[in-house]
Structure formats: structure tokens, C-alpha cells
Amino acid sequence: MNKKIFFNTFLTGVILLFFVTKRVSAQSDTLSFLHISDIHLIFNFDIIQEDLAKDRVGWRSSQGDTGILNIGQKDLVNDWGHYGLGVAPFDRFLQNIPKEPRVDFVAITGDLIDFYEGETQNNGIFGSQVEQFSQLINKNNVPVYASLGNHDITRYSWNNTRISTQSEAERARATWIQNVPCFQNGTYYSRIYHVGKTCYRLIFLDDGFDLYDVKGDFEIPFIDKVQQTWLKSQLVASEDDIEIIFMHIPLGLGVSNVQENSVYSVIKGHSTLKAIFAGHHHQNVVTLFDSGNDSFYQVLTAAFATDTAAWRLIRLTEDHIMVSGPEKTENELVIQIK
């Protein structure tokens, strides 16, 4: 081999090794991700039953559907409209996620789409929302972890008003499992990350079923007994890890109205659970749940569907969980874990 070619090849290898080593080192020091919620994407909006479409589009900004993420700048264009106009802004959100500060993945806590199936203008029913959502996230490079929300397993029709039903919830879940990578082993799952000497267990729950058309008493948020058993096993799997839960419908916004909730009864008393991230209420709220011997924070992020600036930057380090304020990189909350 020509000496000059050999030297250039060697030098290129050294440079690549330097950057790869630097990135691996950075990953071991901090794990960073963006939290968003309630995207409510609607694909093929033009074929939806007319009254149903009007119900979902709401209003449109005079600026059109331009929603652009640019972390660190204040001049965001975020009034792009309502649910029927969200596909392009979300696509740009994924494309414009910056490399600095580095983001390892996006966590979305439910209502990824506005409905699983909907009525058409000729009174038929159309789906393919899940499949098109999958194509959208797969064409972008940033990994996406998600929880299912109530809209993700809901069918819409129209009879003088919007009719929502979850009668096809299990078929909807099967479609999510078949099409979206994070759900390939089921609609609830966990991921393990090591940051320095700390092991983080990220637990993604499926509490999207909100019992439409079911009479009698029920609890919100709701997860079935099988998932509750799995959640218990995740919380006690290791005495050394730190758990963070992602779910769509949050616990009550105060402690007093969740004491008897079955989800709360499973998670309370686990000192290694430090945070819950959720959505559903379309507002930014931070709540401390403190039972005396242990405590955890619940962080809600407002709906991306109505404000593309509704995101939080989360950074996990060996000693802290740092949660930014909405549309900011500055911390609103710092949780000490050691």
C-alpha cells in the first residue's frame, strides 16, 4: 500500500476512534432524552367524516402548520393548529432534534395518534393510523420509546356528536405490537441503562384503557392484574437500580385522591422509584408524592398536539435526575438519587 494512503487511512481511523470513544464516554456520564406527550396525529385527514373532521381540527393559526423545534432559542413557531394538522410539525420535530445538547431518545407518554380507526365520509371505517405512525418515526434516526394512551386504542364515529369506543382495544394493541419497534415484545416493557455506576430501569406502562361503555365503578389510571403483577416484579427485580415509570394517564394530581388506587398501591413504598412521567391532562404539572419513608415526583408535560414547544429535556446522571422546564434546557426539578 502506498505510504501516503496508509497514513491517511490510519489517521482517519484514529480520528474516528477518538470521536467514538468520546461519545461512549459521554453516554456513560449522562443519558439525555426528550419527554413529549399527547401528539394526537391524524393521517389521511381529508377522508374523515366531515363533522368528525371539524370536531378534530379545531382552529388553524394564520402562520399555517409550521411547528419547528430549536432547543435553546425562544423564537419558536408553535401555534400550528389542532390535531388535524400535526403530522408535518411532528416530522420536523424529529428531524430538528439537535445533537447538542445530545438527545439519546424521545419518550412519548401516549396519545400518539388521535384514534385507531375512524369513520370516513362514505360512512365506512378506516385505519392504517398505526402503520403510518410507524413509517414516520422509522424514517428518522432518533429512537422513540412510547406508552399507549386512550386515543391509541379508540375508534371514532359520528352521530350528531363524536362517539368514542374502545371495543377494538385488543385488536388495536395487536396492531401496535406488529408495527412499532418499541412494542415488539408487548405494550408494556422496560429498558435498562447504565449511567456511571447507576443502573436505571425505565418502565413503560400501558394504561390507555379508560373503560368506555363500561358501567360501574372503576379506577383511573387503570392497568389490569397481569400488568400489575409484572410491574411489581420490575420494581423488586434489583435492589440496586433506580426506577422511572412512563405512563399516559397519571396518578391524581394530589395524594389524597389516589390512596386507594390499585396502581398507586403497587408503586408506593418502593424507595428506588424516583419519578413518573405522564400526560393526558394537556398541562405542565409537577407533583411530589411523599408517603413518609419514601417519595417520588410525577411530571406531566402538556400536549404537543397544541404546542410544539411542549417538551422537557431529561438528563440522567450517576447521582441526579434533572428535569427541565417546558421549552427550556434549564432545570425545573433536580431529583437526588444518592
Foldseek 3Di string as FASTA:
>chain_A
DPPVVVVVVVVVVVVVVVVVVVVVLVQQFKAKAKEAEQLAADPPLVFAAPVVSCVFFPDADPVAQDFADDFPDDPTDWQGTFRHRRLVNVLRHLVRPDPVVHHQAYEYAENLHQAQWEAGNVRDIDGCPLQVSLVSVVVGDHHYAYAYAQRQQWYWYDDPHIDIDNPRNVVSQVSNCVRHVNQVVHRWDWDWDRHNNAIEIETEDHQRDPDPPDDDDDDPSDDDPVVLVVVLCVLVVDPGHAYEYRHETDAPQADVVCPPPPNCVSPPPRQSYAEYEYENVQDWHKHWDPPDVHIYIYTYWGHCRRTVQGMWMWMDGPFWIFICDGSHPDGPDIGGRD
